[in-house]
């Protein structure tokens, strides 16, 4: 039986973007995941998720940071990602691949991080394979305000540098990214009033290729920082403007859980509803999610750290 490794490819693409997005893609700061990034609340120790392609396992420390992630495609095919932390700083990230029950050394990689504060803040990231082959090095330099200012990427192909510039003008905050002095992304954040007269956050992200606009994404977040709508655009060279291609609207229940998703693409309209079953823990995490009308579902088994006993309870 031929194995489908598409989920594996998607998994690695997700990991790369989320943690070390290369300067040639979407340069950004190194990110450490927490329980909130996995739609979890409270003192979660571990979470086992059953999906249509396999199982995902997540382990967290008592501070809520992700320390281990396992994606299982079968009993013998799986990936393990380990995170070594010092408080809120990432020291190492190791991705280990197993196929047919055998550790695959040449595709397993390690990311090593080193913090230098002698002249401001600089984080150096070295990426090497388990075969001791050097793959990439990134230097993240931060300004006096603590914001990321440059990312220098070094490998066998040479050196690339991404510069990040910030601007605040008339209530709008803009981050602009330049790769070797050529713009490749801009993010503009502003505040608008919604239909309920509450303040919403509007984020407009534009992507460029060789300095020319290509596509854009407009996202609106409500006062609870939940994504309520988004619109996708492609740039039309003839009209010299962005043309909308697809839109989506999100609905939530009082617990802040996604309950509906309506996607519009041309004349095609697709609506999905989400139904949840919750556990008995006071954190109120869901353990089963059903998506209609397809009737697909996802289940989660969650373990929690024991509640600390106060001195008054002990007496």
C-alpha atoms as a PDB file:
ATOM      1  CA  UNK A   1       0.000   0.000   0.000  1.00  0.00           C
ATOM      2  CA  UNK A   2       1.394   3.355  -1.032  1.00  0.00           C
ATOM      3  CA  UNK A   3       1.766   5.785   1.869  1.00  0.00           C
ATOM      4  CA  UNK A   4       0.430   9.312   1.692  1.00  0.00           C
ATOM      5  CA  UNK A   5       3.093  11.691   2.993  1.00  0.00           C
ATOM      6  CA  UNK A   6       1.237  14.896   2.094  1.00  0.00           C
ATOM      7  CA  UNK A   7       0.367  15.545   5.784  1.00  0.00           C
ATOM      8  CA  UNK A   8       4.075  15.188   6.599  1.00  0.00           C
ATOM      9  CA  UNK A   9       4.967  17.861   4.060  1.00  0.00           C
ATOM     10  CA  UNK A  10       2.242  20.143   5.391  1.00  0.00           C
ATOM     11  CA  UNK A  11       3.407  19.534   8.955  1.00  0.00           C
ATOM     12  CA  UNK A  12       6.963  20.652   8.176  1.00  0.00           C
ATOM     13  CA  UNK A  13       5.759  23.661   6.215  1.00  0.00           C
ATOM     14  CA  UNK A  14       3.687  24.691   9.247  1.00  0.00           C
ATOM     15  CA  UNK A  15       6.598  24.213  11.677  1.00  0.00           C
ATOM     16  CA  UNK A  16       8.997  26.228   9.512  1.00  0.00           C
ATOM     17  CA  UNK A  17       6.597  29.147   9.126  1.00  0.00           C
ATOM     18  CA  UNK A  18       5.577  29.171  12.750  1.00  0.00           C
ATOM     19  CA  UNK A  19       9.029  29.162  14.239  1.00  0.00           C
ATOM     20  CA  UNK A  20      11.754  30.466  11.958  1.00  0.00           C
ATOM     21  CA  UNK A  21      10.102  31.735   8.790  1.00  0.00           C
ATOM     22  CA  UNK A  22      13.087  32.211   6.464  1.00  0.00           C
ATOM     23  CA  UNK A  23      13.812  35.683   5.240  1.00  0.00           C
ATOM     24  CA  UNK A  24      12.921  34.620   1.729  1.00  0.00           C
ATOM     25  CA  UNK A  25       9.424  33.680   2.909  1.00  0.00           C
ATOM     26  CA  UNK A  26       7.887  35.603   5.821  1.00  0.00           C
ATOM     27  CA  UNK A  27      10.573  36.722   8.243  1.00  0.00           C
ATOM     28  CA  UNK A  28       9.329  37.076  11.772  1.00  0.00           C
ATOM     29  CA  UNK A  29      10.407  36.593  15.338  1.00  0.00           C
ATOM     30  CA  UNK A  30      11.019  33.181  16.835  1.00  0.00           C
ATOM     31  CA  UNK A  31       7.760  31.952  18.343  1.00  0.00           C
ATOM     32  CA  UNK A  32       7.192  29.678  21.320  1.00  0.00           C
ATOM     33  CA  UNK A  33       3.828  27.918  21.442  1.00  0.00           C
ATOM     34  CA  UNK A  34       1.596  27.847  24.514  1.00  0.00           C
ATOM     35  CA  UNK A  35      -1.621  26.016  25.423  1.00  0.00           C
ATOM     36  CA  UNK A  36      -3.649  28.930  23.998  1.00  0.00           C
ATOM     37  CA  UNK A  37      -2.191  28.298  20.535  1.00  0.00           C
ATOM     38  CA  UNK A  38      -3.864  24.881  20.584  1.00  0.00           C
ATOM     39  CA  UNK A  39      -7.278  26.131  21.657  1.00  0.00           C
ATOM     40  CA  UNK A  40      -6.701  24.959  25.234  1.00  0.00           C
ATOM     41  CA  UNK A  41      -7.241  26.590  28.624  1.00  0.00           C
ATOM     42  CA  UNK A  42      -5.998  25.948  32.124  1.00  0.00           C
ATOM     43  CA  UNK A  43      -3.130  23.824  33.518  1.00  0.00           C
ATOM     44  CA  UNK A  44      -2.991  21.365  30.617  1.00  0.00           C
ATOM     45  CA  UNK A  45      -0.275  18.726  30.918  1.00  0.00           C
ATOM     46  CA  UNK A  46      -0.925  16.872  27.664  1.00  0.00           C
ATOM     47  CA  UNK A  47      -3.445  16.682  24.844  1.00  0.00           C
ATOM     48  CA  UNK A  48      -3.997  13.756  22.473  1.00  0.00           C
ATOM     49  CA  UNK A  49      -5.872  14.678  19.290  1.00  0.00           C
ATOM     50  CA  UNK A  50      -7.382  12.089  16.927  1.00  0.00           C
ATOM     51  CA  UNK A  51      -7.559  13.358  13.321  1.00  0.00           C
ATOM     52  CA  UNK A  52      -8.477  11.866   9.960  1.00  0.00           C
ATOM     53  CA  UNK A  53      -4.811  11.227   9.082  1.00  0.00           C
ATOM     54  CA  UNK A  54      -3.543  10.042  12.449  1.00  0.00           C
ATOM     55  CA  UNK A  55      -2.928  11.365  15.941  1.00  0.00           C
ATOM     56  CA  UNK A  56      -1.255  14.429  17.366  1.00  0.00           C
ATOM     57  CA  UNK A  57       0.177  14.562  20.869  1.00  0.00           C
ATOM     58  CA  UNK A  58       1.185  17.716  22.721  1.00  0.00           C
ATOM     59  CA  UNK A  59       2.998  18.027  26.059  1.00  0.00           C
ATOM     60  CA  UNK A  60       3.211  21.271  28.040  1.00  0.00           C
ATOM     61  CA  UNK A  61       5.192  22.341  31.092  1.00  0.00           C
ATOM     62  CA  UNK A  62       3.498  23.862  34.138  1.00  0.00           C
ATOM     63  CA  UNK A  63       4.059  27.365  32.747  1.00  0.00           C
ATOM     64  CA  UNK A  64       1.919  26.427  29.737  1.00  0.00           C
ATOM     65  CA  UNK A  65       4.721  26.225  27.142  1.00  0.00           C
ATOM     66  CA  UNK A  66       4.818  23.454  24.544  1.00  0.00           C
ATOM     67  CA  UNK A  67       7.728  21.068  25.211  1.00  0.00           C
ATOM     68  CA  UNK A  68       6.951  18.146  22.914  1.00  0.00           C
ATOM     69  CA  UNK A  69       4.804  17.481  19.845  1.00  0.00           C
ATOM     70  CA  UNK A  70       4.267  14.122  18.172  1.00  0.00           C
ATOM     71  CA  UNK A  71       2.474  13.602  14.865  1.00  0.00           C
ATOM     72  CA  UNK A  72       1.597   9.935  14.291  1.00  0.00           C
ATOM     73  CA  UNK A  73       0.576   8.791  10.825  1.00  0.00           C
ATOM     74  CA  UNK A  74       0.716   5.126  11.865  1.00  0.00           C
ATOM     75  CA  UNK A  75       2.308   3.011  14.586  1.00  0.00           C
ATOM     76  CA  UNK A  76       5.603   3.054  12.685  1.00  0.00           C
ATOM     77  CA  UNK A  77       5.535   6.450  10.917  1.00  0.00           C
ATOM     78  CA  UNK A  78       5.714   9.496  13.178  1.00  0.00           C
ATOM     79  CA  UNK A  79       7.569  12.756  13.857  1.00  0.00           C
ATOM     80  CA  UNK A  80       8.716  14.002  17.254  1.00  0.00           C
ATOM     81  CA  UNK A  81       9.504  17.666  17.904  1.00  0.00           C
ATOM     82  CA  UNK A  82      11.232  18.528  21.180  1.00  0.00           C
ATOM     83  CA  UNK A  83      11.591  22.027  22.647  1.00  0.00           C
ATOM     84  CA  UNK A  84      14.201  22.902  25.252  1.00  0.00           C
ATOM     85  CA  UNK A  85      13.323  26.088  27.113  1.00  0.00           C
ATOM     86  CA  UNK A  86      14.851  28.366  29.707  1.00  0.00           C
ATOM     87  CA  UNK A  87      11.859  30.183  31.131  1.00  0.00           C
ATOM     88  CA  UNK A  88      10.365  31.962  28.129  1.00  0.00           C
ATOM     89  CA  UNK A  89      13.481  31.583  25.955  1.00  0.00           C
ATOM     90  CA  UNK A  90      13.867  28.837  23.354  1.00  0.00           C
ATOM     91  CA  UNK A  91      17.257  27.080  23.545  1.00  0.00           C
ATOM     92  CA  UNK A  92      16.769  24.132  21.188  1.00  0.00           C
ATOM     93  CA  UNK A  93      14.210  22.672  18.830  1.00  0.00           C
ATOM     94  CA  UNK A  94      14.769  19.166  17.502  1.00  0.00           C
ATOM     95  CA  UNK A  95      12.668  17.448  14.838  1.00  0.00           C
ATOM     96  CA  UNK A  96      13.146  13.673  14.715  1.00  0.00           C
ATOM     97  CA  UNK A  97      11.589  11.562  11.947  1.00  0.00           C
ATOM     98  CA  UNK A  98      10.692   7.872  12.187  1.00  0.00           C
ATOM     99  CA  UNK A  99       9.621   5.831   9.156  1.00  0.00           C
ATOM    100  CA  UNK A 100       8.741   2.125   9.332  1.00  0.00           C
ATOM    101  CA  UNK A 101       9.817   2.302  12.961  1.00  0.00           C
ATOM    102  CA  UNK A 102      13.346   3.427  12.062  1.00  0.00           C
ATOM    103  CA  UNK A 103      14.921   6.748  12.997  1.00  0.00           C
ATOM    104  CA  UNK A 104      15.692   8.716   9.795  1.00  0.00           C
ATOM    105  CA  UNK A 105      18.877  10.582  10.536  1.00  0.00           C
ATOM    106  CA  UNK A 106      19.362  12.515   7.306  1.00  0.00           C
ATOM    107  CA  UNK A 107      15.948  14.277   7.468  1.00  0.00           C
ATOM    108  CA  UNK A 108      16.001  14.988  11.214  1.00  0.00           C
ATOM    109  CA  UNK A 109      17.201  18.456  12.151  1.00  0.00           C
ATOM    110  CA  UNK A 110      18.211  20.495  15.183  1.00  0.00           C
ATOM    111  CA  UNK A 111      17.778  24.242  15.721  1.00  0.00           C
ATOM    112  CA  UNK A 112      20.194  25.671  18.304  1.00  0.00           C
ATOM    113  CA  UNK A 113      19.610  29.167  19.717  1.00  0.00           C
ATOM    114  CA  UNK A 114      22.154  31.425  21.420  1.00  0.00           C
ATOM    115  CA  UNK A 115      21.302  34.735  23.120  1.00  0.00           C
ATOM    116  CA  UNK A 116      23.817  37.612  23.103  1.00  0.00           C
ATOM    117  CA  UNK A 117      23.043  40.822  25.035  1.00  0.00           C
ATOM    118  CA  UNK A 118      26.493  42.444  25.033  1.00  0.00           C
ATOM    119  CA  UNK A 119      25.408  45.053  22.462  1.00  0.00           C
ATOM    120  CA  UNK A 120      21.637  45.073  22.549  1.00  0.00           C
ATOM    121  CA  UNK A 121      19.784  41.813  21.956  1.00  0.00           C
ATOM    122  CA  UNK A 122      20.804  39.297  19.296  1.00  0.00           C
ATOM    123  CA  UNK A 123      19.706  35.688  18.882  1.00  0.00           C
ATOM    124  CA  UNK A 124      21.745  33.384  16.679  1.00  0.00           C
ATOM    125  CA  UNK A 125      20.031  30.289  15.334  1.00  0.00           C
ATOM    126  CA  UNK A 126      22.014  27.442  13.798  1.00  0.00           C
ATOM    127  CA  UNK A 127      20.190  24.711  11.882  1.00  0.00           C
ATOM    128  CA  UNK A 128      22.007  21.428  11.400  1.00  0.00           C
ATOM    129  CA  UNK A 129      20.987  17.913  10.414  1.00  0.00           C
ATOM    130  CA  UNK A 130      21.533  14.900  12.623  1.00  0.00           C
ATOM    131  CA  UNK A 131      24.242  13.987  10.098  1.00  0.00           C
ATOM    132  CA  UNK A 132      26.087  17.095  11.369  1.00  0.00           C
ATOM    133  CA  UNK A 133      25.459  18.900   8.075  1.00  0.00           C
ATOM    134  CA  UNK A 134      25.139  22.676   8.322  1.00  0.00           C
ATOM    135  CA  UNK A 135      21.933  23.929   6.718  1.00  0.00           C
ATOM    136  CA  UNK A 136      21.303  27.536   7.747  1.00  0.00           C
ATOM    137  CA  UNK A 137      22.194  30.242  10.230  1.00  0.00           C
ATOM    138  CA  UNK A 138      19.958  33.151  11.217  1.00  0.00           C
ATOM    139  CA  UNK A 139      20.849  36.216  13.264  1.00  0.00           C
ATOM    140  CA  UNK A 140      17.882  38.061  14.800  1.00  0.00           C
ATOM    141  CA  UNK A 141      18.806  41.573  15.934  1.00  0.00           C
ATOM    142  CA  UNK A 142      16.464  43.659  18.118  1.00  0.00           C
ATOM    143  CA  UNK A 143      16.386  47.412  18.603  1.00  0.00           C
ATOM    144  CA  UNK A 144      16.367  49.340  21.873  1.00  0.00           C
ATOM    145  CA  UNK A 145      12.558  49.207  21.865  1.00  0.00           C
ATOM    146  CA  UNK A 146      12.709  45.400  21.867  1.00  0.00           C
ATOM    147  CA  UNK A 147      11.304  45.082  18.348  1.00  0.00           C
ATOM    148  CA  UNK A 148      12.924  42.897  15.704  1.00  0.00           C
ATOM    149  CA  UNK A 149      15.020  45.071  13.378  1.00  0.00           C
ATOM    150  CA  UNK A 150      16.986  42.714  11.103  1.00  0.00           C
ATOM    151  CA  UNK A 151      17.335  39.040  10.233  1.00  0.00           C
ATOM    152  CA  UNK A 152      20.535  37.892   8.550  1.00  0.00           C
ATOM    153  CA  UNK A 153      20.417  34.490   6.879  1.00  0.00           C
ATOM    154  CA  UNK A 154      23.673  32.698   5.995  1.00  0.00           C
ATOM    155  CA  UNK A 155      24.049  29.409   4.115  1.00  0.00           C
ATOM    156  CA  UNK A 156      25.963  27.867   1.211  1.00  0.00           C
ATOM    157  CA  UNK A 157      24.077  30.117  -1.217  1.00  0.00           C
ATOM    158  CA  UNK A 158      25.322  33.317   0.412  1.00  0.00           C
ATOM    159  CA  UNK A 159      23.899  35.945   2.753  1.00  0.00           C
ATOM    160  CA  UNK A 160      20.419  37.490   2.736  1.00  0.00           C
ATOM    161  CA  UNK A 161      19.276  40.253   5.064  1.00  0.00           C
ATOM    162  CA  UNK A 162      15.742  41.189   5.999  1.00  0.00           C
ATOM    163  CA  UNK A 163      15.148  44.623   7.497  1.00  0.00           C
ATOM    164  CA  UNK A 164      11.975  45.465   9.416  1.00  0.00           C
ATOM    165  CA  UNK A 165      10.765  49.060   9.609  1.00  0.00           C
ATOM    166  CA  UNK A 166       7.970  50.352  11.848  1.00  0.00           C
ATOM    167  CA  UNK A 167       5.761  53.405  11.380  1.00  0.00           C
ATOM    168  CA  UNK A 168       2.886  54.856  13.383  1.00  0.00           C
ATOM    169  CA  UNK A 169       0.769  57.385  11.501  1.00  0.00           C
ATOM    170  CA  UNK A 170      -2.768  58.658  12.117  1.00  0.00           C
ATOM    171  CA  UNK A 171      -3.669  55.788  14.406  1.00  0.00           C
ATOM    172  CA  UNK A 172      -2.288  53.107  12.085  1.00  0.00           C
ATOM    173  CA  UNK A 173       0.726  50.939  12.855  1.00  0.00           C
ATOM    174  CA  UNK A 174       2.655  49.514   9.908  1.00  0.00           C
ATOM    175  CA  UNK A 175       5.416  46.901   9.788  1.00  0.00           C
ATOM    176  CA  UNK A 176       7.290  46.715   6.495  1.00  0.00           C
ATOM    177  CA  UNK A 177       9.707  43.910   5.580  1.00  0.00           C
ATOM    178  CA  UNK A 178      12.525  44.327   3.047  1.00  0.00           C
ATOM    179  CA  UNK A 179      14.619  41.459   1.695  1.00  0.00           C
ATOM    180  CA  UNK A 180      17.962  42.809   0.498  1.00  0.00           C
ATOM    181  CA  UNK A 181      16.352  46.294   0.296  1.00  0.00           C
ATOM    182  CA  UNK A 182      13.350  45.071  -1.754  1.00  0.00           C
ATOM    183  CA  UNK A 183       9.928  45.105  -0.102  1.00  0.00           C
ATOM    184  CA  UNK A 184       8.243  41.711   0.207  1.00  0.00           C
ATOM    185  CA  UNK A 185       5.607  42.212   2.919  1.00  0.00           C
ATOM    186  CA  UNK A 186       3.751  44.924   4.819  1.00  0.00           C
ATOM    187  CA  UNK A 187       1.362  44.607   7.771  1.00  0.00           C
ATOM    188  CA  UNK A 188      -0.904  47.532   8.671  1.00  0.00           C
ATOM    189  CA  UNK A 189      -2.919  47.456  11.895  1.00  0.00           C
ATOM    190  CA  UNK A 190      -5.700  49.927  12.625  1.00  0.00           C
ATOM    191  CA  UNK A 191      -8.821  50.267  14.796  1.00  0.00           C
ATOM    192  CA  UNK A 192     -12.347  50.512  13.394  1.00  0.00           C
ATOM    193  CA  UNK A 193     -15.866  50.521  14.850  1.00  0.00           C
ATOM    194  CA  UNK A 194     -18.024  47.486  14.153  1.00  0.00           C
ATOM    195  CA  UNK A 195     -21.793  47.209  13.691  1.00  0.00           C
ATOM    196  CA  UNK A 196     -22.238  46.889  17.463  1.00  0.00           C
ATOM    197  CA  UNK A 197     -20.260  50.132  17.876  1.00  0.00           C
ATOM    198  CA  UNK A 198     -17.441  48.236  19.584  1.00  0.00           C
ATOM    199  CA  UNK A 199     -13.849  48.820  18.552  1.00  0.00           C
ATOM    200  CA  UNK A 200     -12.425  46.156  16.242  1.00  0.00           C
ATOM    201  CA  UNK A 201      -8.891  45.523  15.034  1.00  0.00           C
ATOM    202  CA  UNK A 202      -8.247  45.516  11.279  1.00  0.00           C
ATOM    203  CA  UNK A 203      -5.050  43.923   9.916  1.00  0.00           C
ATOM    204  CA  UNK A 204      -4.145  44.319   6.245  1.00  0.00           C
ATOM    205  CA  UNK A 205      -1.239  42.174   5.029  1.00  0.00           C
ATOM    206  CA  UNK A 206       0.204  42.735   1.559  1.00  0.00           C
ATOM    207  CA  UNK A 207       2.703  40.435  -0.132  1.00  0.00           C
ATOM    208  CA  UNK A 208       5.096  41.468  -2.888  1.00  0.00           C
ATOM    209  CA  UNK A 209       7.256  39.631  -5.433  1.00  0.00           C
ATOM    210  CA  UNK A 210      10.350  41.433  -6.686  1.00  0.00           C
ATOM    211  CA  UNK A 211       8.878  44.595  -5.185  1.00  0.00           C
ATOM    212  CA  UNK A 212       5.578  44.292  -7.041  1.00  0.00           C
ATOM    213  CA  UNK A 213       2.256  43.701  -5.214  1.00  0.00           C
ATOM    214  CA  UNK A 214       0.868  40.177  -5.570  1.00  0.00           C
ATOM    215  CA  UNK A 215      -1.842  39.430  -3.006  1.00  0.00           C
ATOM    216  CA  UNK A 216      -3.391  40.775   0.174  1.00  0.00           C
ATOM    217  CA  UNK A 217      -5.324  39.554   3.192  1.00  0.00           C
ATOM    218  CA  UNK A 218      -7.644  41.728   5.287  1.00  0.00           C
ATOM    219  CA  UNK A 219      -8.571  40.354   8.727  1.00  0.00           C
ATOM    220  CA  UNK A 220     -10.965  41.807  11.283  1.00  0.00           C
ATOM    221  CA  UNK A 221     -10.827  40.887  14.979  1.00  0.00           C
ATOM    222  CA  UNK A 222     -13.530  41.687  17.533  1.00  0.00           C
ATOM    223  CA  UNK A 223     -13.032  43.202  20.981  1.00  0.00           C
ATOM    224  CA  UNK A 224     -12.202  39.715  22.332  1.00  0.00           C
ATOM    225  CA  UNK A 225      -9.433  39.370  19.724  1.00  0.00           C
ATOM    226  CA  UNK A 226     -11.358  36.697  17.802  1.00  0.00           C
ATOM    227  CA  UNK A 227     -11.115  36.623  14.009  1.00  0.00           C
ATOM    228  CA  UNK A 228     -14.598  37.505  12.723  1.00  0.00           C
ATOM    229  CA  UNK A 229     -13.961  38.081   9.030  1.00  0.00           C
ATOM    230  CA  UNK A 230     -11.276  37.961   6.390  1.00  0.00           C
ATOM    231  CA  UNK A 231     -10.983  38.853   2.726  1.00  0.00           C
ATOM    232  CA  UNK A 232      -8.427  37.659   0.188  1.00  0.00           C
ATOM    233  CA  UNK A 233      -7.266  39.766  -2.761  1.00  0.00           C
ATOM    234  CA  UNK A 234      -5.131  39.302  -5.844  1.00  0.00           C
ATOM    235  CA  UNK A 235      -3.414  42.221  -7.535  1.00  0.00           C
ATOM    236  CA  UNK A 236      -4.687  43.087 -11.028  1.00  0.00           C
ATOM    237  CA  UNK A 237      -1.884  44.505 -13.179  1.00  0.00           C
ATOM    238  CA  UNK A 238      -4.229  46.026 -15.760  1.00  0.00           C
ATOM    239  CA  UNK A 239      -6.410  47.820 -13.215  1.00  0.00           C
ATOM    240  CA  UNK A 240      -3.448  48.414 -10.871  1.00  0.00           C
ATOM    241  CA  UNK A 241      -5.483  47.541  -7.813  1.00  0.00           C
ATOM    242  CA  UNK A 242      -6.314  44.625  -5.522  1.00  0.00           C
ATOM    243  CA  UNK A 243      -9.361  42.592  -6.581  1.00  0.00           C
ATOM    244  CA  UNK A 244     -11.272  40.553  -3.931  1.00  0.00           C
ATOM    245  CA  UNK A 245     -11.284  36.786  -4.609  1.00  0.00           C
ATOM    246  CA  UNK A 246     -12.644  35.128  -1.466  1.00  0.00           C
ATOM    247  CA  UNK A 247     -14.148  36.070   1.887  1.00  0.00           C
ATOM    248  CA  UNK A 248     -14.990  34.296   5.132  1.00  0.00           C
ATOM    249  CA  UNK A 249     -17.076  35.112   8.209  1.00  0.00           C
ATOM    250  CA  UNK A 250     -16.647  33.440  11.606  1.00  0.00           C
ATOM    251  CA  UNK A 251     -19.183  33.033  14.415  1.00  0.00           C
ATOM    252  CA  UNK A 252     -18.496  32.170  18.082  1.00  0.00           C
ATOM    253  CA  UNK A 253     -20.422  30.982  21.119  1.00  0.00           C
ATOM    254  CA  UNK A 254     -20.275  32.738  24.544  1.00  0.00           C
ATOM    255  CA  UNK A 255     -17.261  30.555  25.456  1.00  0.00           C
ATOM    256  CA  UNK A 256     -15.372  32.004  22.516  1.00  0.00           C
ATOM    257  CA  UNK A 257     -15.456  28.773  20.508  1.00  0.00           C
ATOM    258  CA  UNK A 258     -15.870  28.811  16.742  1.00  0.00           C
ATOM    259  CA  UNK A 259     -19.427  27.765  15.868  1.00  0.00           C
ATOM    260  CA  UNK A 260     -19.797  28.745  12.211  1.00  0.00           C
ATOM    261  CA  UNK A 261     -17.708  29.470   9.155  1.00  0.00           C
ATOM    262  CA  UNK A 262     -19.207  30.921   5.979  1.00  0.00           C
ATOM    263  CA  UNK A 263     -16.904  31.032   2.957  1.00  0.00           C
ATOM    264  CA  UNK A 264     -17.786  32.925  -0.236  1.00  0.00           C
ATOM    265  CA  UNK A 265     -15.813  32.344  -3.432  1.00  0.00           C
ATOM    266  CA  UNK A 266     -17.487  33.972  -6.426  1.00  0.00           C
ATOM    267  CA  UNK A 267     -21.002  32.535  -6.584  1.00  0.00           C
ATOM    268  CA  UNK A 268     -20.037  29.577  -4.411  1.00  0.00           C
ATOM    269  CA  UNK A 269     -21.124  29.783  -0.761  1.00  0.00           C
ATOM    270  CA  UNK A 270     -20.089  27.166   1.779  1.00  0.00           C
ATOM    271  CA  UNK A 271     -21.286  27.128   5.394  1.00  0.00           C
ATOM    272  CA  UNK A 272     -19.935  24.906   8.161  1.00  0.00           C
ATOM    273  CA  UNK A 273     -21.276  24.551  11.700  1.00  0.00           C
ATOM    274  CA  UNK A 274     -19.195  23.418  14.692  1.00  0.00           C
ATOM    275  CA  UNK A 275     -20.644  21.499  17.635  1.00  0.00           C
ATOM    276  CA  UNK A 276     -18.686  20.754  20.817  1.00  0.00           C
ATOM    277  CA  UNK A 277     -18.692  18.380  23.745  1.00  0.00           C
ATOM    278  CA  UNK A 278     -16.784  19.643  26.783  1.00  0.00           C
ATOM    279  CA  UNK A 279     -14.912  17.902  29.583  1.00  0.00           C
ATOM    280  CA  UNK A 280     -15.795  18.226  33.271  1.00  0.00           C
ATOM    281  CA  UNK A 281     -12.668  20.185  34.222  1.00  0.00           C
ATOM    282  CA  UNK A 282     -13.185  23.749  35.409  1.00  0.00           C
ATOM    283  CA  UNK A 283     -11.120  24.990  32.439  1.00  0.00           C
ATOM    284  CA  UNK A 284     -13.955  23.872  30.144  1.00  0.00           C
ATOM    285  CA  UNK A 285     -11.961  22.477  27.228  1.00  0.00           C
ATOM    286  CA  UNK A 286     -13.735  20.669  24.419  1.00  0.00           C
ATOM    287  CA  UNK A 287     -13.077  16.963  23.913  1.00  0.00           C
ATOM    288  CA  UNK A 288     -15.128  16.397  20.759  1.00  0.00           C
ATOM    289  CA  UNK A 289     -15.703  18.676  17.786  1.00  0.00           C
ATOM    290  CA  UNK A 290     -18.254  17.829  15.086  1.00  0.00           C
ATOM    291  CA  UNK A 291     -18.323  19.739  11.805  1.00  0.00           C
ATOM    292  CA  UNK A 292     -21.530  19.739   9.757  1.00  0.00           C
ATOM    293  CA  UNK A 293     -22.790  19.178   7.108  1.00  0.00           C
ATOM    294  CA  UNK A 294     -19.848  16.827   6.408  1.00  0.00           C
ATOM    295  CA  UNK A 295     -20.235  15.243   9.866  1.00  0.00           C
ATOM    296  CA  UNK A 296     -16.485  14.988  10.309  1.00  0.00           C
ATOM    297  CA  UNK A 297     -15.201  15.062  13.853  1.00  0.00           C
ATOM    298  CA  UNK A 298     -12.107  15.422  15.995  1.00  0.00           C
ATOM    299  CA  UNK A 299     -11.619  14.130  19.538  1.00  0.00           C
ATOM    300  CA  UNK A 300      -9.203  15.169  22.272  1.00  0.00           C
ATOM    301  CA  UNK A 301      -8.017  13.465  25.457  1.00  0.00           C
ATOM    302  CA  UNK A 302      -6.701  16.065  27.886  1.00  0.00           C
ATOM    303  CA  UNK A 303      -4.661  15.594  31.055  1.00  0.00           C
ATOM    304  CA  UNK A 304      -4.185  18.372  33.588  1.00  0.00           C
ATOM    305  CA  UNK A 305      -1.584  19.231  36.193  1.00  0.00           C
ATOM    306  CA  UNK A 306      -3.004  18.687  39.686  1.00  0.00           C
ATOM    307  CA  UNK A 307      -4.403  21.773  41.350  1.00  0.00           C
ATOM    308  CA  UNK A 308      -2.013  23.256  43.914  1.00  0.00           C
ATOM    309  CA  UNK A 309      -3.228  22.908  47.463  1.00  0.00           C
ATOM    310  CA  UNK A 310      -3.142  26.187  49.383  1.00  0.00           C
ATOM    311  CA  UNK A 311      -1.864  26.463  52.957  1.00  0.00           C
ATOM    312  CA  UNK A 312      -5.429  27.110  54.128  1.00  0.00           C
ATOM    313  CA  UNK A 313      -6.628  23.843  52.532  1.00  0.00           C
ATOM    314  CA  UNK A 314      -3.805  21.939  54.209  1.00  0.00           C
ATOM    315  CA  UNK A 315      -4.606  23.299  57.709  1.00  0.00           C
END
